[in-house]
Amino acid sequence: MKMTICNSSAATAVVEDDTMELTELVRGQDQSLLDRMAPVVARQTTVLDMNSVERIDAAGIAALVTLYATACQAGHSFTISNAKPRVKRILALVGLDQILLSQNAEQSSQSDACFQRSAA
């Protein structure tokens, strides 16, 4: 899994972490992703390259939503890129495709929209 970190000057750095090579983002692997990524998304705008992820479940989706919320609360954006068709379909099914998916990492780094929910 690659993490693309975008700073305010629009420069982009790609950080590859071989120890984080996930093919499935499922229960049991979700906490590892949160532990590694939460501090990053709290500090800066981040695009997570999910090219290697073949499968995602509810725990994986919840982890992505948590990272998104963490980034938004800190005033940054968090998106994912290069999702496989199966992962894209699952995100679309739960209505997160428009919020989390990025067609172009640079384009998403300039986005400042955050997911908000009502208290009701």
Protein backbone atom coordinates (compact mmCIF):
# COMPACT_ATOMS: atom_id res chain seq x y z
CA MET A 1 0.00 0.00 0.00
CA LYS A 2 1.31 3.44 -0.84
CA MET A 3 0.53 6.59 0.98
CA THR A 4 0.60 9.87 -0.93
CA ILE A 5 1.02 12.86 1.33
CA CYS A 6 0.14 16.27 -0.04
CA ASN A 7 1.30 19.38 1.72
CA SER A 8 -0.07 22.89 1.44
CA SER A 9 2.39 23.92 -1.26
CA ALA A 10 0.82 21.32 -3.57
CA ALA A 11 4.02 19.26 -3.60
CA THR A 12 3.33 15.57 -3.36
CA ALA A 13 5.46 12.91 -1.73
CA VAL A 14 4.83 9.20 -2.09
CA VAL A 15 5.81 7.05 0.83
CA GLU A 16 5.94 3.31 0.31
CA ASP A 17 5.74 1.04 3.30
CA ASP A 18 6.51 -2.58 2.42
CA THR A 19 5.39 -3.73 5.85
CA MET A 20 1.93 -2.36 5.10
CA GLU A 21 1.35 -4.36 1.90
CA LEU A 22 -2.27 -5.37 2.35
CA THR A 23 -4.24 -7.43 -0.13
CA GLU A 24 -7.29 -7.46 2.12
CA LEU A 25 -8.58 -4.69 4.33
CA VAL A 26 -10.69 -6.81 6.64
CA ARG A 27 -11.32 -7.36 10.36
CA GLY A 28 -8.01 -8.07 12.02
CA GLN A 29 -6.06 -5.82 9.65
CA ASP A 30 -8.12 -2.69 10.16
CA GLN A 31 -6.49 -1.71 13.45
CA SER A 32 -3.00 -1.93 11.94
CA LEU A 33 -4.03 0.50 9.21
CA LEU A 34 -5.55 2.86 11.76
CA ASP A 35 -2.47 2.72 13.98
CA ARG A 36 -0.17 3.65 11.07
CA MET A 37 -2.37 6.12 9.24
CA ALA A 38 -4.29 8.07 11.91
CA PRO A 39 -1.26 10.18 12.95
CA VAL A 40 -0.50 10.90 9.29
CA VAL A 41 -4.01 12.01 8.29
CA ALA A 42 -4.20 14.17 11.41
CA ARG A 43 -1.08 16.05 10.26
CA GLN A 44 -1.64 16.44 6.52
CA THR A 45 -3.77 15.76 3.47
CA THR A 46 -3.32 12.15 2.44
CA VAL A 47 -4.19 9.91 -0.52
CA LEU A 48 -3.99 6.19 0.15
CA ASP A 49 -3.12 4.06 -2.89
CA MET A 50 -5.21 0.90 -2.55
CA ASN A 51 -3.98 -0.79 -5.72
CA SER A 52 -2.97 -3.94 -3.84
CA VAL A 53 -6.27 -4.33 -1.93
CA GLU A 54 -8.45 -7.03 -3.49
CA ARG A 55 -11.06 -7.32 -0.75
CA ILE A 56 -12.62 -5.07 1.88
CA ASP A 57 -15.23 -5.78 4.55
CA ALA A 58 -17.24 -3.71 7.02
CA ALA A 59 -14.25 -3.37 9.36
CA GLY A 60 -12.10 -2.07 6.49
CA ILE A 61 -14.78 0.39 5.46
CA ALA A 62 -15.10 1.56 9.05
CA ALA A 63 -11.32 2.09 9.20
CA LEU A 64 -11.42 4.24 6.05
CA VAL A 65 -14.33 6.28 7.45
CA THR A 66 -12.42 6.76 10.71
CA LEU A 67 -9.36 8.00 8.80
CA TYR A 68 -11.56 10.33 6.76
CA ALA A 69 -13.18 11.75 9.91
CA THR A 70 -9.80 12.17 11.61
CA ALA A 71 -8.46 14.08 8.60
CA CYS A 72 -11.55 16.31 8.40
CA GLN A 73 -11.44 17.12 12.11
CA ALA A 74 -7.83 18.22 11.64
CA GLY A 75 -8.71 20.35 8.61
CA HIS A 76 -7.19 18.00 6.02
CA SER A 77 -8.57 15.71 3.37
CA PHE A 78 -8.26 11.95 3.04
CA THR A 79 -9.05 10.02 -0.12
CA ILE A 80 -8.15 6.69 -1.66
CA SER A 81 -6.90 6.07 -5.16
CA ASN A 82 -6.40 3.14 -7.52
CA ALA A 83 -9.09 1.00 -5.90
CA LYS A 84 -9.83 -2.29 -7.65
CA PRO A 85 -13.26 -2.61 -9.31
CA ARG A 86 -14.54 -4.90 -6.54
CA VAL A 87 -13.52 -2.43 -3.83
CA LYS A 88 -15.07 0.45 -5.82
CA ARG A 89 -18.36 -1.46 -6.11
CA ILE A 90 -18.48 -2.10 -2.37
CA LEU A 91 -17.77 1.55 -1.59
CA ALA A 92 -20.49 2.57 -4.05
CA LEU A 93 -22.93 0.16 -2.41
CA VAL A 94 -22.52 1.87 0.95
CA GLY A 95 -22.47 5.35 -0.57
CA LEU A 96 -18.83 6.18 0.13
CA ASP A 97 -17.53 6.21 -3.44
CA GLN A 98 -18.22 9.93 -3.92
CA ILE A 99 -16.55 10.76 -0.61
CA LEU A 100 -13.48 8.52 -0.53
CA LEU A 101 -12.55 7.68 -4.12
CA SER A 102 -10.09 9.85 -5.95
CA GLN A 103 -9.63 9.59 -9.69
CA ASN A 104 -6.58 11.80 -9.57
CA ALA A 105 -4.43 12.14 -6.44
CA GLU A 106 -3.49 15.73 -7.24
CA GLN A 107 -7.09 16.72 -7.83
CA SER A 108 -8.15 15.19 -4.52
CA SER A 109 -5.38 16.95 -2.63
CA GLN A 110 -7.00 20.24 -3.51
CA SER A 111 -10.42 19.13 -2.29
CA ASP A 112 -11.48 20.35 1.11
CA ALA A 113 -14.94 18.81 1.40
CA CYS A 114 -15.61 16.81 4.54
CA PHE A 115 -18.26 14.25 5.31
CA GLN A 116 -20.71 15.62 7.82
CA ARG A 117 -23.60 13.87 9.50
CA SER A 118 -26.58 15.31 11.31
CA ALA A 119 -27.08 14.79 15.02
CA ALA A 120 -30.56 13.37 14.40
